[in-house]
Amino acid sequence: MNTPHLLAEERLQLSADYQKLSDEYADILRFKPAKWILIRQNVKSDMQAEREWQRSAEGNREQIIKIQLKALEKKMSGIRSYLDVLNGESRNMY
């Protein structure tokens, strides 16, 4: 069983991972419009341009990062909930 201290350390590490992924995601979003415009010039619709973007290495990485960020959010939230329960139990509130 994890102690509150270990859980807090894990949550801190997850937060650091979240920050790194957020920075990478921001970098992708910074240059996406310029690249997307270039893609759009060669296709007939916005939908087709978006599909082309998603098939590119950067577009694929964008999708992966979004999923990873959501997973990290859920894990951090779960740890926070568990820490709250442990805190309540230590005060005989449950």
N, C-alpha and C. Protein backbone atom coordinates (compact mmCIF):
# COMPACT_ATOMS: atom_id res chain seq x y z
N MET A 1 0.84 -1.18 0.00
CA MET A 1 0.00 0.00 0.00
C MET A 1 0.89 1.25 0.00
N ASN A 2 0.48 2.21 -0.78
CA ASN A 2 1.24 3.46 -0.86
C ASN A 2 0.94 4.35 0.33
N THR A 3 1.97 4.97 0.83
CA THR A 3 1.78 5.93 1.93
C THR A 3 1.41 7.28 1.32
N PRO A 4 0.82 8.17 2.10
CA PRO A 4 0.50 9.50 1.59
C PRO A 4 1.72 10.23 1.03
N HIS A 5 2.87 10.02 1.71
CA HIS A 5 4.09 10.67 1.24
C HIS A 5 4.48 10.17 -0.15
N LEU A 6 4.44 8.86 -0.35
CA LEU A 6 4.78 8.29 -1.66
C LEU A 6 3.78 8.73 -2.73
N LEU A 7 2.52 8.79 -2.37
CA LEU A 7 1.50 9.24 -3.31
C LEU A 7 1.72 10.70 -3.70
N ALA A 8 2.07 11.52 -2.73
CA ALA A 8 2.34 12.93 -3.02
C ALA A 8 3.55 13.07 -3.94
N GLU A 9 4.58 12.26 -3.71
CA GLU A 9 5.75 12.29 -4.58
C GLU A 9 5.39 11.84 -6.00
N GLU A 10 4.56 10.81 -6.10
CA GLU A 10 4.14 10.34 -7.42
C GLU A 10 3.33 11.42 -8.14
N ARG A 11 2.47 12.09 -7.40
CA ARG A 11 1.66 13.17 -7.98
C ARG A 11 2.56 14.31 -8.45
N LEU A 12 3.60 14.60 -7.71
CA LEU A 12 4.55 15.63 -8.11
C LEU A 12 5.26 15.23 -9.40
N GLN A 13 5.66 13.98 -9.51
CA GLN A 13 6.33 13.50 -10.72
C GLN A 13 5.37 13.56 -11.92
N LEU A 14 4.12 13.17 -11.69
CA LEU A 14 3.12 13.23 -12.76
C LEU A 14 2.91 14.67 -13.22
N SER A 15 2.95 15.60 -12.28
CA SER A 15 2.81 17.02 -12.62
C SER A 15 3.97 17.49 -13.49
N ALA A 16 5.16 17.03 -13.17
CA ALA A 16 6.33 17.38 -13.99
C ALA A 16 6.19 16.80 -15.39
N ASP A 17 5.74 15.55 -15.48
CA ASP A 17 5.51 14.93 -16.79
C ASP A 17 4.46 15.70 -17.57
N TYR A 18 3.41 16.12 -16.87
CA TYR A 18 2.34 16.89 -17.50
C TYR A 18 2.88 18.19 -18.07
N GLN A 19 3.74 18.85 -17.31
CA GLN A 19 4.33 20.12 -17.77
C GLN A 19 5.16 19.91 -19.03
N LYS A 20 5.97 18.86 -19.06
CA LYS A 20 6.81 18.59 -20.23
C LYS A 20 5.94 18.35 -21.47
N LEU A 21 4.91 17.53 -21.31
CA LEU A 21 4.02 17.26 -22.43
C LEU A 21 3.27 18.52 -22.86
N SER A 22 2.88 19.34 -21.90
CA SER A 22 2.17 20.58 -22.21
C SER A 22 3.06 21.51 -23.02
N ASP A 23 4.33 21.58 -22.68
CA ASP A 23 5.27 22.41 -23.43
C ASP A 23 5.41 21.91 -24.86
N GLU A 24 5.51 20.60 -25.02
CA GLU A 24 5.63 20.03 -26.37
C GLU A 24 4.35 20.27 -27.17
N TYR A 25 3.21 20.13 -26.51
CA TYR A 25 1.92 20.37 -27.15
C TYR A 25 1.81 21.83 -27.60
N ALA A 26 2.25 22.75 -26.76
CA ALA A 26 2.22 24.17 -27.10
C ALA A 26 3.10 24.46 -28.31
N ASP A 27 4.26 23.81 -28.38
CA ASP A 27 5.14 23.99 -29.53
C ASP A 27 4.46 23.53 -30.82
N ILE A 28 3.79 22.40 -30.75
CA ILE A 28 3.07 21.89 -31.93
C ILE A 28 1.98 22.87 -32.34
N LEU A 29 1.22 23.36 -31.37
CA LEU A 29 0.13 24.29 -31.67
C LEU A 29 0.64 25.62 -32.20
N ARG A 30 1.88 25.98 -31.86
CA ARG A 30 2.46 27.23 -32.34
C ARG A 30 2.71 27.20 -33.84
N PHE A 31 3.19 26.07 -34.36
CA PHE A 31 3.49 26.03 -35.79
C PHE A 31 2.41 25.33 -36.61
N LYS A 32 1.40 24.78 -35.97
CA LYS A 32 0.32 24.09 -36.69
C LYS A 32 -0.38 24.99 -37.71
N PRO A 33 -0.77 26.23 -37.37
CA PRO A 33 -1.49 27.04 -38.35
C PRO A 33 -0.72 27.26 -39.66
N ALA A 34 0.56 27.52 -39.56
CA ALA A 34 1.35 27.74 -40.77
C ALA A 34 1.42 26.48 -41.62
N LYS A 35 1.64 25.37 -40.98
CA LYS A 35 1.72 24.11 -41.73
C LYS A 35 0.35 23.72 -42.28
N TRP A 36 -0.69 23.97 -41.48
CA TRP A 36 -2.04 23.61 -41.89
C TRP A 36 -2.44 24.41 -43.15
N ILE A 37 -2.07 25.68 -43.20
CA ILE A 37 -2.37 26.52 -44.38
C ILE A 37 -1.69 25.95 -45.62
N LEU A 38 -0.45 25.50 -45.47
CA LEU A 38 0.24 24.89 -46.61
C LEU A 38 -0.46 23.62 -47.06
N ILE A 39 -0.90 22.82 -46.11
CA ILE A 39 -1.64 21.60 -46.45
C ILE A 39 -2.94 21.96 -47.16
N ARG A 40 -3.63 22.98 -46.64
CA ARG A 40 -4.94 23.36 -47.17
C ARG A 40 -4.87 23.82 -48.62
N GLN A 41 -3.76 24.40 -49.02
CA GLN A 41 -3.60 24.86 -50.40
C GLN A 41 -3.61 23.72 -51.40
N ASN A 42 -3.28 22.51 -50.94
CA ASN A 42 -3.16 21.37 -51.84
C ASN A 42 -4.34 20.41 -51.79
N VAL A 43 -5.35 20.74 -51.01
CA VAL A 43 -6.52 19.86 -50.92
C VAL A 43 -7.79 20.67 -51.15
N LYS A 44 -8.94 19.98 -51.28
CA LYS A 44 -10.18 20.65 -51.64
C LYS A 44 -11.02 21.13 -50.47
N SER A 45 -10.78 20.60 -49.27
CA SER A 45 -11.63 20.99 -48.15
C SER A 45 -10.83 21.06 -46.85
N ASP A 46 -11.43 21.76 -45.87
CA ASP A 46 -10.81 21.84 -44.54
C ASP A 46 -10.72 20.46 -43.90
N MET A 47 -11.75 19.66 -44.09
CA MET A 47 -11.76 18.32 -43.51
C MET A 47 -10.61 17.47 -44.07
N GLN A 48 -10.40 17.57 -45.35
CA GLN A 48 -9.30 16.83 -45.96
C GLN A 48 -7.95 17.36 -45.46
N ALA A 49 -7.85 18.66 -45.29
CA ALA A 49 -6.61 19.26 -44.76
C ALA A 49 -6.36 18.77 -43.34
N GLU A 50 -7.42 18.71 -42.55
CA GLU A 50 -7.27 18.23 -41.17
C GLU A 50 -6.82 16.77 -41.14
N ARG A 51 -7.38 15.96 -42.01
CA ARG A 51 -6.94 14.55 -42.08
C ARG A 51 -5.47 14.44 -42.48
N GLU A 52 -5.07 15.27 -43.44
CA GLU A 52 -3.66 15.28 -43.85
C GLU A 52 -2.77 15.69 -42.68
N TRP A 53 -3.21 16.69 -41.93
CA TRP A 53 -2.45 17.13 -40.76
C TRP A 53 -2.32 16.00 -39.76
N GLN A 54 -3.41 15.31 -39.49
CA GLN A 54 -3.40 14.23 -38.51
C GLN A 54 -2.51 13.07 -38.95
N ARG A 55 -2.35 12.90 -40.25
CA ARG A 55 -1.47 11.83 -40.75
C ARG A 55 0.00 12.22 -40.71
N SER A 56 0.28 13.51 -40.58
CA SER A 56 1.68 13.95 -40.51
C SER A 56 2.28 13.55 -39.16
N ALA A 57 3.58 13.57 -39.06
CA ALA A 57 4.25 13.21 -37.81
C ALA A 57 3.83 14.15 -36.68
N GLU A 58 3.75 15.45 -36.98
CA GLU A 58 3.37 16.42 -35.96
C GLU A 58 1.92 16.25 -35.54
N GLY A 59 1.06 16.00 -36.51
CA GLY A 59 -0.36 15.79 -36.21
C GLY A 59 -0.58 14.54 -35.39
N ASN A 60 0.16 13.50 -35.72
CA ASN A 60 0.08 12.26 -34.96
C ASN A 60 0.56 12.47 -33.53
N ARG A 61 1.65 13.20 -33.39
CA ARG A 61 2.19 13.50 -32.06
C ARG A 61 1.20 14.34 -31.26
N GLU A 62 0.54 15.28 -31.92
CA GLU A 62 -0.48 16.10 -31.25
C GLU A 62 -1.57 15.22 -30.64
N GLN A 63 -2.05 14.26 -31.40
CA GLN A 63 -3.10 13.37 -30.90
C GLN A 63 -2.61 12.51 -29.73
N ILE A 64 -1.40 12.01 -29.83
CA ILE A 64 -0.84 11.19 -28.76
C ILE A 64 -0.68 12.02 -27.48
N ILE A 65 -0.18 13.24 -27.62
CA ILE A 65 0.00 14.10 -26.45
C ILE A 65 -1.34 14.40 -25.79
N LYS A 66 -2.36 14.68 -26.58
CA LYS A 66 -3.69 14.96 -26.01
C LYS A 66 -4.17 13.78 -25.16
N ILE A 67 -3.98 12.57 -25.65
CA ILE A 67 -4.39 11.38 -24.91
C ILE A 67 -3.55 11.21 -23.65
N GLN A 68 -2.25 11.42 -23.77
CA GLN A 68 -1.37 11.29 -22.61
C GLN A 68 -1.69 12.33 -21.54
N LEU A 69 -1.99 13.56 -21.95
CA LEU A 69 -2.34 14.60 -20.99
C LEU A 69 -3.62 14.24 -20.25
N LYS A 70 -4.60 13.73 -20.97
CA LYS A 70 -5.85 13.34 -20.34
C LYS A 70 -5.62 12.20 -19.35
N ALA A 71 -4.78 11.23 -19.73
CA ALA A 71 -4.48 10.12 -18.83
C ALA A 71 -3.77 10.62 -17.56
N LEU A 72 -2.83 11.54 -17.72
CA LEU A 72 -2.14 12.10 -16.56
C LEU A 72 -3.11 12.86 -15.65
N GLU A 73 -4.03 13.61 -16.26
CA GLU A 73 -5.03 14.33 -15.47
C GLU A 73 -5.85 13.37 -14.63
N LYS A 74 -6.29 12.28 -15.25
CA LYS A 74 -7.12 11.29 -14.53
C LYS A 74 -6.33 10.63 -13.40
N LYS A 75 -5.08 10.30 -13.67
CA LYS A 75 -4.27 9.65 -12.64
C LYS A 75 -4.01 10.60 -11.48
N MET A 76 -3.69 11.86 -11.78
CA MET A 76 -3.45 12.83 -10.71
C MET A 76 -4.73 13.06 -9.89
N SER A 77 -5.85 13.09 -10.57
CA SER A 77 -7.13 13.26 -9.88
C SER A 77 -7.42 12.07 -8.97
N GLY A 78 -7.14 10.86 -9.46
CA GLY A 78 -7.34 9.67 -8.65
C GLY A 78 -6.46 9.66 -7.40
N ILE A 79 -5.22 10.05 -7.58
CA ILE A 79 -4.30 10.12 -6.43
C ILE A 79 -4.79 11.16 -5.44
N ARG A 80 -5.26 12.30 -5.95
CA ARG A 80 -5.77 13.35 -5.06
C ARG A 80 -6.97 12.85 -4.26
N SER A 81 -7.86 12.14 -4.92
CA SER A 81 -9.03 11.59 -4.22
C SER A 81 -8.60 10.59 -3.15
N TYR A 82 -7.64 9.75 -3.49
CA TYR A 82 -7.16 8.76 -2.53
C TYR A 82 -6.48 9.45 -1.34
N LEU A 83 -5.71 10.50 -1.62
CA LEU A 83 -5.09 11.25 -0.52
C LEU A 83 -6.14 11.89 0.37
N ASP A 84 -7.21 12.38 -0.21
CA ASP A 84 -8.30 12.96 0.59
C ASP A 84 -8.93 11.91 1.50
N VAL A 85 -9.12 10.71 0.98
CA VAL A 85 -9.69 9.62 1.79
C VAL A 85 -8.73 9.26 2.92
N LEU A 86 -7.44 9.13 2.60
CA LEU A 86 -6.47 8.83 3.62
C LEU A 86 -6.42 9.90 4.70
N ASN A 87 -6.53 11.15 4.28
CA ASN A 87 -6.54 12.26 5.23
C ASN A 87 -7.77 12.17 6.13
N GLY A 88 -8.93 11.89 5.54
CA GLY A 88 -10.15 11.73 6.33
C GLY A 88 -10.06 10.57 7.30
N GLU A 89 -9.50 9.47 6.86
CA GLU A 89 -9.36 8.30 7.73
C GLU A 89 -8.42 8.61 8.89
N SER A 90 -7.38 9.39 8.63
CA SER A 90 -6.44 9.70 9.71
C SER A 90 -7.10 10.58 10.79
N ARG A 91 -8.16 11.24 10.44
CA ARG A 91 -8.88 12.10 11.38
C ARG A 91 -10.17 11.44 11.87
N ASN A 92 -10.32 10.14 11.56
CA ASN A 92 -11.50 9.37 11.94
C ASN A 92 -12.79 10.00 11.40
N MET A 93 -12.74 10.50 10.20
CA MET A 93 -13.91 11.12 9.59
C MET A 93 -14.71 10.12 8.75
N TYR A 94 -14.18 8.92 8.54
CA TYR A 94 -14.89 7.92 7.76
C TYR A 94 -15.26 6.75 8.61
